[in-house]
Amino acid sequence: MELTDVDEALLSCQILAIPYPEWFSFLKSDPKPDNIQFLTIPNVIPSEKERSKDFEGFVKAVFTKMEAPVDSILDAVPKPNLILADSFLPWAVSIGERRNIPVASFWPMSLTIFSIVCHHQLLLANGHFEANLTGIVTCRIDMSKKHLNLNIHSNIKI
């Protein structure tokens, strides 16, 4: 297999992944390039196997209990060039701002779900969507600077 320029660039940088222990247990047996390192945070969120029993508690734990352990790990490693985080981890932006590290987010779900979140008003107005997310989720897309700036804001109180 021939490596592309992107492949070579990725192999030349150091990547630190910070999963929680349960996810690390799923990942650790898979082969990985030498430039990827895993450091885990403590088990501060409910197990994947149990989270459906208290999904609200799971979401609250993700939003409120993961930031401090990740921040502590970043105290112990060289300053990264970039934080890449799931879009549903809003605290990653706070960490990046405090540490002057750029943050990029990725959308881990399908484009269909992304579209529903961003266009729920149209779906609701046209009778295509039964859940009314008005006032709960706000999606703003700004293309004015020739790049996509997406802000998803939830008014759910935690």
N, C-alpha and C. Protein backbone atom coordinates (compact mmCIF):
# COMPACT_ATOMS: atom_id res chain seq x y z
N MET A 1 0.84 -1.18 0.00
CA MET A 1 0.00 0.00 0.00
C MET A 1 0.89 1.24 0.00
N GLU A 2 0.57 2.17 -0.86
CA GLU A 2 1.35 3.40 -0.97
C GLU A 2 0.75 4.48 -0.06
N LEU A 3 1.61 5.18 0.66
CA LEU A 3 1.16 6.23 1.56
C LEU A 3 0.95 7.53 0.80
N THR A 4 -0.12 8.23 1.14
CA THR A 4 -0.36 9.55 0.57
C THR A 4 0.36 10.58 1.42
N ASP A 5 0.38 11.83 0.95
CA ASP A 5 0.99 12.92 1.73
C ASP A 5 0.29 13.08 3.07
N VAL A 6 -1.03 12.91 3.07
CA VAL A 6 -1.80 13.03 4.32
C VAL A 6 -1.40 11.91 5.28
N ASP A 7 -1.29 10.68 4.76
CA ASP A 7 -0.87 9.56 5.60
C ASP A 7 0.49 9.84 6.23
N GLU A 8 1.42 10.31 5.42
CA GLU A 8 2.77 10.59 5.93
C GLU A 8 2.74 11.71 6.96
N ALA A 9 1.92 12.73 6.73
CA ALA A 9 1.81 13.83 7.70
C ALA A 9 1.25 13.32 9.02
N LEU A 10 0.24 12.47 8.95
CA LEU A 10 -0.34 11.92 10.19
C LEU A 10 0.65 11.04 10.93
N LEU A 11 1.43 10.28 10.20
CA LEU A 11 2.41 9.41 10.85
C LEU A 11 3.58 10.19 11.44
N SER A 12 3.78 11.42 10.99
CA SER A 12 4.90 12.21 11.50
C SER A 12 4.53 13.03 12.73
N CYS A 13 3.25 13.12 13.08
CA CYS A 13 2.86 13.90 14.26
C CYS A 13 2.52 12.96 15.41
N GLN A 14 2.63 13.49 16.61
CA GLN A 14 2.28 12.72 17.80
C GLN A 14 0.80 12.93 18.09
N ILE A 15 0.09 11.85 18.36
CA ILE A 15 -1.34 11.91 18.63
C ILE A 15 -1.58 11.32 20.01
N LEU A 16 -2.25 12.10 20.85
CA LEU A 16 -2.63 11.64 22.18
C LEU A 16 -4.14 11.50 22.20
N ALA A 17 -4.61 10.30 22.45
CA ALA A 17 -6.04 10.04 22.57
C ALA A 17 -6.35 9.86 24.06
N ILE A 18 -7.44 10.49 24.51
CA ILE A 18 -7.79 10.43 25.94
C ILE A 18 -9.19 9.84 26.09
N PRO A 19 -9.30 8.53 25.99
CA PRO A 19 -10.60 7.90 26.23
C PRO A 19 -10.79 7.64 27.72
N TYR A 20 -12.00 7.31 28.11
CA TYR A 20 -12.18 6.84 29.48
C TYR A 20 -11.91 5.34 29.47
N PRO A 21 -11.66 4.73 30.64
CA PRO A 21 -11.16 3.35 30.68
C PRO A 21 -11.99 2.32 29.92
N GLU A 22 -13.30 2.45 29.95
CA GLU A 22 -14.11 1.45 29.25
C GLU A 22 -13.83 1.47 27.75
N TRP A 23 -13.77 2.66 27.16
CA TRP A 23 -13.46 2.74 25.73
C TRP A 23 -12.04 2.30 25.45
N PHE A 24 -11.12 2.63 26.34
CA PHE A 24 -9.74 2.18 26.15
C PHE A 24 -9.69 0.65 26.13
N SER A 25 -10.50 0.00 26.97
CA SER A 25 -10.51 -1.47 26.98
C SER A 25 -10.95 -2.03 25.63
N PHE A 26 -11.79 -1.30 24.90
CA PHE A 26 -12.21 -1.73 23.57
C PHE A 26 -11.11 -1.50 22.53
N LEU A 27 -10.31 -0.45 22.73
CA LEU A 27 -9.33 -0.02 21.73
C LEU A 27 -7.94 -0.63 21.89
N LYS A 28 -7.58 -0.98 23.12
CA LYS A 28 -6.18 -1.31 23.39
C LYS A 28 -5.65 -2.54 22.67
N SER A 29 -6.51 -3.47 22.31
CA SER A 29 -6.02 -4.68 21.66
C SER A 29 -5.81 -4.49 20.15
N ASP A 30 -6.34 -3.42 19.59
CA ASP A 30 -6.16 -3.17 18.16
C ASP A 30 -4.76 -2.62 17.89
N PRO A 31 -4.15 -3.03 16.79
CA PRO A 31 -2.84 -2.47 16.46
C PRO A 31 -2.97 -0.97 16.16
N LYS A 32 -1.94 -0.22 16.50
CA LYS A 32 -1.95 1.22 16.24
C LYS A 32 -0.55 1.65 15.85
N PRO A 33 -0.45 2.75 15.11
CA PRO A 33 0.88 3.28 14.78
C PRO A 33 1.61 3.72 16.05
N ASP A 34 2.91 3.75 15.99
CA ASP A 34 3.72 4.13 17.15
C ASP A 34 3.51 5.57 17.59
N ASN A 35 2.99 6.42 16.71
CA ASN A 35 2.84 7.83 17.06
C ASN A 35 1.53 8.12 17.80
N ILE A 36 0.75 7.09 18.10
CA ILE A 36 -0.50 7.28 18.85
C ILE A 36 -0.29 6.77 20.27
N GLN A 37 -0.63 7.62 21.22
CA GLN A 37 -0.50 7.28 22.64
C GLN A 37 -1.88 7.41 23.29
N PHE A 38 -2.19 6.51 24.19
CA PHE A 38 -3.44 6.59 24.94
C PHE A 38 -3.14 6.92 26.40
N LEU A 39 -3.85 7.88 26.95
CA LEU A 39 -3.88 8.15 28.38
C LEU A 39 -5.36 8.20 28.75
N THR A 40 -5.72 7.58 29.84
CA THR A 40 -7.14 7.52 30.19
C THR A 40 -7.47 8.43 31.37
N ILE A 41 -8.71 8.86 31.39
CA ILE A 41 -9.23 9.59 32.54
C ILE A 41 -9.90 8.56 33.45
N PRO A 42 -10.16 8.91 34.70
CA PRO A 42 -10.86 7.97 35.59
C PRO A 42 -12.28 7.68 35.08
N ASN A 43 -12.87 6.62 35.57
CA ASN A 43 -14.26 6.30 35.24
C ASN A 43 -15.18 7.29 35.94
N VAL A 44 -15.47 8.39 35.27
CA VAL A 44 -16.33 9.42 35.85
C VAL A 44 -17.71 9.46 35.20
N ILE A 45 -17.92 8.60 34.21
CA ILE A 45 -19.23 8.54 33.57
C ILE A 45 -19.75 7.10 33.65
N PRO A 46 -21.07 6.93 33.59
CA PRO A 46 -21.64 5.58 33.65
C PRO A 46 -21.17 4.72 32.48
N SER A 47 -21.15 3.43 32.70
CA SER A 47 -20.74 2.46 31.69
C SER A 47 -21.62 2.54 30.45
N GLU A 48 -21.02 2.25 29.30
CA GLU A 48 -21.78 2.16 28.05
C GLU A 48 -22.91 1.15 28.20
N LYS A 49 -22.66 0.11 28.96
CA LYS A 49 -23.64 -0.96 29.12
C LYS A 49 -24.83 -0.55 29.98
N GLU A 50 -24.65 0.48 30.79
CA GLU A 50 -25.69 0.90 31.73
C GLU A 50 -26.30 2.26 31.41
N ARG A 51 -25.72 3.00 30.49
CA ARG A 51 -26.14 4.39 30.32
C ARG A 51 -27.58 4.55 29.85
N SER A 52 -28.12 3.57 29.16
CA SER A 52 -29.51 3.70 28.69
C SER A 52 -30.51 3.70 29.85
N LYS A 53 -30.10 3.18 30.99
CA LYS A 53 -30.99 3.17 32.15
C LYS A 53 -31.14 4.56 32.76
N ASP A 54 -30.14 5.42 32.57
CA ASP A 54 -30.19 6.79 33.08
C ASP A 54 -29.44 7.68 32.10
N PHE A 55 -30.04 7.89 30.93
CA PHE A 55 -29.35 8.64 29.88
C PHE A 55 -29.11 10.09 30.31
N GLU A 56 -30.06 10.68 31.01
CA GLU A 56 -29.87 12.06 31.48
C GLU A 56 -28.68 12.15 32.42
N GLY A 57 -28.53 11.18 33.31
CA GLY A 57 -27.38 11.14 34.21
C GLY A 57 -26.08 10.97 33.46
N PHE A 58 -26.12 10.17 32.40
CA PHE A 58 -24.94 9.98 31.56
C PHE A 58 -24.53 11.30 30.91
N VAL A 59 -25.49 12.00 30.32
CA VAL A 59 -25.20 13.27 29.65
C VAL A 59 -24.67 14.29 30.66
N LYS A 60 -25.28 14.36 31.82
CA LYS A 60 -24.80 15.29 32.85
C LYS A 60 -23.37 14.97 33.25
N ALA A 61 -23.05 13.69 33.38
CA ALA A 61 -21.69 13.30 33.75
C ALA A 61 -20.70 13.68 32.65
N VAL A 62 -21.06 13.46 31.39
CA VAL A 62 -20.18 13.83 30.27
C VAL A 62 -19.92 15.33 30.29
N PHE A 63 -20.97 16.12 30.53
CA PHE A 63 -20.84 17.58 30.49
C PHE A 63 -20.13 18.14 31.72
N THR A 64 -20.19 17.45 32.86
CA THR A 64 -19.70 18.06 34.09
C THR A 64 -18.52 17.35 34.74
N LYS A 65 -18.27 16.09 34.42
CA LYS A 65 -17.25 15.33 35.15
C LYS A 65 -16.01 14.96 34.33
N MET A 66 -16.03 15.19 33.04
CA MET A 66 -14.89 14.79 32.21
C MET A 66 -13.85 15.90 32.04
N GLU A 67 -14.26 17.14 32.12
CA GLU A 67 -13.35 18.25 31.84
C GLU A 67 -12.13 18.26 32.76
N ALA A 68 -12.34 18.17 34.05
CA ALA A 68 -11.22 18.28 35.01
C ALA A 68 -10.18 17.18 34.80
N PRO A 69 -10.58 15.90 34.63
CA PRO A 69 -9.55 14.88 34.40
C PRO A 69 -8.77 15.07 33.09
N VAL A 70 -9.47 15.51 32.05
CA VAL A 70 -8.77 15.77 30.78
C VAL A 70 -7.81 16.94 30.95
N ASP A 71 -8.25 17.97 31.64
CA ASP A 71 -7.40 19.13 31.91
C ASP A 71 -6.15 18.70 32.68
N SER A 72 -6.32 17.81 33.65
CA SER A 72 -5.17 17.32 34.43
C SER A 72 -4.17 16.57 33.56
N ILE A 73 -4.67 15.76 32.64
CA ILE A 73 -3.77 15.04 31.73
C ILE A 73 -2.97 16.05 30.91
N LEU A 74 -3.64 17.10 30.44
CA LEU A 74 -2.94 18.09 29.62
C LEU A 74 -1.88 18.85 30.42
N ASP A 75 -2.03 18.90 31.75
CA ASP A 75 -0.99 19.50 32.59
C ASP A 75 0.30 18.69 32.54
N ALA A 76 0.17 17.39 32.28
CA ALA A 76 1.31 16.48 32.40
C ALA A 76 1.98 16.13 31.07
N VAL A 77 1.49 16.68 29.98
CA VAL A 77 2.07 16.35 28.67
C VAL A 77 2.48 17.65 27.97
N PRO A 78 3.36 17.56 26.97
CA PRO A 78 3.70 18.77 26.21
C PRO A 78 2.44 19.38 25.57
N LYS A 79 2.44 20.70 25.45
CA LYS A 79 1.28 21.41 24.89
C LYS A 79 0.97 20.89 23.49
N PRO A 80 -0.27 20.45 23.27
CA PRO A 80 -0.63 19.98 21.93
C PRO A 80 -0.82 21.15 20.96
N ASN A 81 -0.72 20.84 19.69
CA ASN A 81 -0.97 21.84 18.64
C ASN A 81 -2.45 22.03 18.37
N LEU A 82 -3.25 21.03 18.73
CA LEU A 82 -4.67 21.05 18.42
C LEU A 82 -5.41 20.11 19.36
N ILE A 83 -6.61 20.49 19.74
CA ILE A 83 -7.52 19.58 20.44
C ILE A 83 -8.62 19.23 19.44
N LEU A 84 -8.81 17.95 19.21
CA LEU A 84 -9.88 17.46 18.34
C LEU A 84 -10.86 16.75 19.25
N ALA A 85 -12.09 17.25 19.30
CA ALA A 85 -13.06 16.70 20.25
C ALA A 85 -14.42 16.49 19.60
N ASP A 86 -15.13 15.55 20.12
CA ASP A 86 -16.52 15.30 19.75
C ASP A 86 -17.31 16.60 19.95
N SER A 87 -18.19 16.92 19.04
CA SER A 87 -18.99 18.16 19.13
C SER A 87 -19.85 18.21 20.39
N PHE A 88 -20.10 17.07 21.00
CA PHE A 88 -20.92 17.03 22.20
C PHE A 88 -20.10 17.17 23.48
N LEU A 89 -18.85 17.60 23.35
CA LEU A 89 -18.01 17.87 24.52
C LEU A 89 -17.69 19.36 24.55
N PRO A 90 -18.66 20.19 24.94
CA PRO A 90 -18.45 21.64 24.88
C PRO A 90 -17.31 22.13 25.77
N TRP A 91 -16.98 21.38 26.79
CA TRP A 91 -15.90 21.78 27.68
C TRP A 91 -14.54 21.73 26.98
N ALA A 92 -14.42 21.01 25.88
CA ALA A 92 -13.14 20.96 25.16
C ALA A 92 -12.76 22.35 24.66
N VAL A 93 -13.75 23.13 24.26
CA VAL A 93 -13.49 24.50 23.81
C VAL A 93 -12.99 25.34 24.98
N SER A 94 -13.57 25.16 26.15
CA SER A 94 -13.11 25.89 27.34
C SER A 94 -11.65 25.57 27.65
N ILE A 95 -11.30 24.30 27.57
CA ILE A 95 -9.91 23.90 27.81
C ILE A 95 -9.00 24.57 26.79
N GLY A 96 -9.39 24.52 25.53
CA GLY A 96 -8.58 25.14 24.48
C GLY A 96 -8.41 26.63 24.69
N GLU A 97 -9.48 27.31 25.07
CA GLU A 97 -9.40 28.76 25.31
C GLU A 97 -8.47 29.06 26.48
N ARG A 98 -8.60 28.32 27.57
CA ARG A 98 -7.74 28.56 28.74
C ARG A 98 -6.27 28.31 28.43
N ARG A 99 -6.00 27.33 27.58
CA ARG A 99 -4.62 26.93 27.29
C ARG A 99 -4.10 27.51 25.98
N ASN A 100 -4.91 28.32 25.32
CA ASN A 100 -4.53 28.90 24.04
C ASN A 100 -4.15 27.82 23.02
N ILE A 101 -5.03 26.82 22.91
CA ILE A 101 -4.86 25.71 21.97
C ILE A 101 -6.07 25.72 21.04
N PRO A 102 -5.86 25.72 19.73
CA PRO A 102 -7.01 25.65 18.82
C PRO A 102 -7.80 24.36 19.05
N VAL A 103 -9.11 24.45 18.86
CA VAL A 103 -9.99 23.30 19.04
C VAL A 103 -10.78 23.08 17.76
N ALA A 104 -10.81 21.85 17.31
CA ALA A 104 -11.66 21.45 16.18
C ALA A 104 -12.60 20.38 16.69
N SER A 105 -13.83 20.43 16.23
CA SER A 105 -14.76 19.40 16.67
C SER A 105 -15.19 18.55 15.48
N PHE A 106 -15.57 17.33 15.78
CA PHE A 106 -16.09 16.46 14.74
C PHE A 106 -17.47 16.00 15.16
N TRP A 107 -18.30 15.76 14.17
CA TRP A 107 -19.68 15.32 14.38
C TRP A 107 -19.68 13.80 14.27
N PRO A 108 -19.88 13.08 15.39
CA PRO A 108 -19.75 11.63 15.36
C PRO A 108 -20.97 10.89 14.83
N MET A 109 -22.05 11.60 14.59
CA MET A 109 -23.27 10.94 14.13
C MET A 109 -23.46 11.15 12.63
N SER A 110 -24.50 10.55 12.13
CA SER A 110 -24.76 10.65 10.70
C SER A 110 -25.14 12.07 10.31
N LEU A 111 -24.96 12.37 9.04
CA LEU A 111 -25.34 13.67 8.51
C LEU A 111 -26.85 13.90 8.66
N THR A 112 -27.61 12.83 8.65
CA THR A 112 -29.05 12.95 8.82
C THR A 112 -29.39 13.57 10.17
N ILE A 113 -28.75 13.11 11.22
CA ILE A 113 -29.00 13.66 12.56
C ILE A 113 -28.55 15.12 12.62
N PHE A 114 -27.41 15.41 12.02
CA PHE A 114 -26.93 16.80 11.96
C PHE A 114 -27.98 17.68 11.28
N SER A 115 -28.51 17.22 10.19
CA SER A 115 -29.52 17.98 9.45
C SER A 115 -30.79 18.18 10.29
N ILE A 116 -31.20 17.15 11.01
CA ILE A 116 -32.38 17.28 11.87
C ILE A 116 -32.15 18.33 12.95
N VAL A 117 -30.99 18.31 13.58
CA VAL A 117 -30.69 19.29 14.62
C VAL A 117 -30.71 20.70 14.06
N CYS A 118 -30.11 20.89 12.89
CA CYS A 118 -30.00 22.23 12.32
C CYS A 118 -31.26 22.72 11.62
N HIS A 119 -32.12 21.82 11.22
CA HIS A 119 -33.31 22.23 10.46
C HIS A 119 -34.61 21.80 11.13
N HIS A 120 -34.57 21.57 12.43
CA HIS A 120 -35.77 21.06 13.09
C HIS A 120 -36.97 22.00 12.95
N GLN A 121 -36.71 23.32 12.85
CA GLN A 121 -37.83 24.25 12.71
C GLN A 121 -38.60 23.98 11.40
N LEU A 122 -37.87 23.75 10.31
CA LEU A 122 -38.53 23.46 9.03
C LEU A 122 -39.28 22.13 9.07
N LEU A 123 -38.65 21.14 9.66
CA LEU A 123 -39.30 19.84 9.76
C LEU A 123 -40.58 19.94 10.59
N LEU A 124 -40.51 20.68 11.68
CA LEU A 124 -41.67 20.87 12.55
C LEU A 124 -42.76 21.66 11.83
N ALA A 125 -42.38 22.75 11.18
CA ALA A 125 -43.35 23.61 10.49
C ALA A 125 -44.09 22.87 9.38
N ASN A 126 -43.41 21.92 8.76
CA ASN A 126 -44.01 21.17 7.65
C ASN A 126 -44.62 19.84 8.09
N GLY A 127 -44.67 19.61 9.40
CA GLY A 127 -45.30 18.41 9.91
C GLY A 127 -44.52 17.13 9.69
N HIS A 128 -43.20 17.24 9.50
CA HIS A 128 -42.37 16.06 9.24
C HIS A 128 -41.65 15.54 10.48
N PHE A 129 -41.76 16.26 11.57
CA PHE A 129 -40.96 15.92 12.74
C PHE A 129 -41.80 16.18 13.98
N GLU A 130 -42.01 15.17 14.79
CA GLU A 130 -42.91 15.31 15.93
C GLU A 130 -42.27 15.97 17.15
N ALA A 131 -40.95 15.91 17.27
CA ALA A 131 -40.29 16.49 18.45
C ALA A 131 -40.07 17.98 18.23
N ASN A 132 -40.53 18.79 19.15
CA ASN A 132 -40.35 20.23 19.06
C ASN A 132 -39.08 20.60 19.84
N LEU A 133 -38.02 20.93 19.12
CA LEU A 133 -36.75 21.28 19.75
C LEU A 133 -36.58 22.79 19.89
N THR A 134 -37.60 23.56 19.52
CA THR A 134 -37.53 25.01 19.61
C THR A 134 -37.25 25.42 21.05
N GLY A 135 -36.26 26.25 21.24
CA GLY A 135 -35.89 26.70 22.58
C GLY A 135 -34.99 25.72 23.31
N ILE A 136 -34.83 24.53 22.78
CA ILE A 136 -33.97 23.53 23.42
C ILE A 136 -32.63 23.46 22.69
N VAL A 137 -32.69 23.42 21.36
CA VAL A 137 -31.47 23.32 20.56
C VAL A 137 -31.45 24.47 19.56
N THR A 138 -30.35 25.14 19.46
CA THR A 138 -30.17 26.22 18.49
C THR A 138 -28.96 25.86 17.63
N CYS A 139 -29.11 25.99 16.34
CA CYS A 139 -28.01 25.71 15.43
C CYS A 139 -27.81 26.94 14.56
N ARG A 140 -26.59 27.47 14.54
CA ARG A 140 -26.28 28.64 13.73
C ARG A 140 -25.10 28.30 12.83
N ILE A 141 -25.27 28.54 11.56
CA ILE A 141 -24.19 28.29 10.61
C ILE A 141 -23.79 29.63 10.00
N ASP A 142 -22.50 29.94 10.07
CA ASP A 142 -21.97 31.20 9.57
C ASP A 142 -20.98 30.90 8.46
N MET A 143 -21.32 31.27 7.25
CA MET A 143 -20.43 31.05 6.11
C MET A 143 -19.81 32.36 5.64
N SER A 144 -19.89 33.42 6.43
CA SER A 144 -19.46 34.74 5.99
C SER A 144 -17.96 34.86 5.78
N LYS A 145 -17.17 34.06 6.43
CA LYS A 145 -15.72 34.17 6.32
C LYS A 145 -15.14 33.04 5.46
N LYS A 146 -15.94 32.52 4.55
CA LYS A 146 -15.54 31.45 3.64
C LYS A 146 -15.13 30.18 4.37
N HIS A 147 -15.65 30.00 5.55
CA HIS A 147 -15.47 28.73 6.24
C HIS A 147 -16.73 28.47 7.06
N LEU A 148 -16.93 27.25 7.40
CA LEU A 148 -18.12 26.86 8.15
C LEU A 148 -17.88 27.08 9.63
N ASN A 149 -18.73 27.87 10.24
CA ASN A 149 -18.69 28.06 11.68
C ASN A 149 -20.03 27.58 12.21
N LEU A 150 -20.02 26.46 12.89
CA LEU A 150 -21.26 25.86 13.37
C LEU A 150 -21.31 25.96 14.89
N ASN A 151 -22.38 26.51 15.39
CA ASN A 151 -22.59 26.55 16.83
C ASN A 151 -23.88 25.82 17.15
N ILE A 152 -23.77 24.78 17.94
CA ILE A 152 -24.96 24.07 18.41
C ILE A 152 -25.04 24.34 19.89
N HIS A 153 -26.16 24.88 20.31
CA HIS A 153 -26.32 25.28 21.70
C HIS A 153 -27.56 24.59 22.26
N SER A 154 -27.42 24.04 23.42
CA SER A 154 -28.54 23.38 24.07
C SER A 154 -28.94 24.18 25.30
N ASN A 155 -30.22 24.36 25.49
CA ASN A 155 -30.73 25.06 26.67
C ASN A 155 -31.12 24.10 27.77
N ILE A 156 -30.73 22.85 27.66
CA ILE A 156 -31.03 21.88 28.71
C ILE A 156 -30.19 22.24 29.93
N LYS A 157 -30.83 22.38 31.06
CA LYS A 157 -30.14 22.75 32.29
C LYS A 157 -29.47 21.53 32.90
N ILE A 158 -28.21 21.70 33.23
CA ILE A 158 -27.44 20.60 33.82
C ILE A 158 -27.04 20.98 35.22
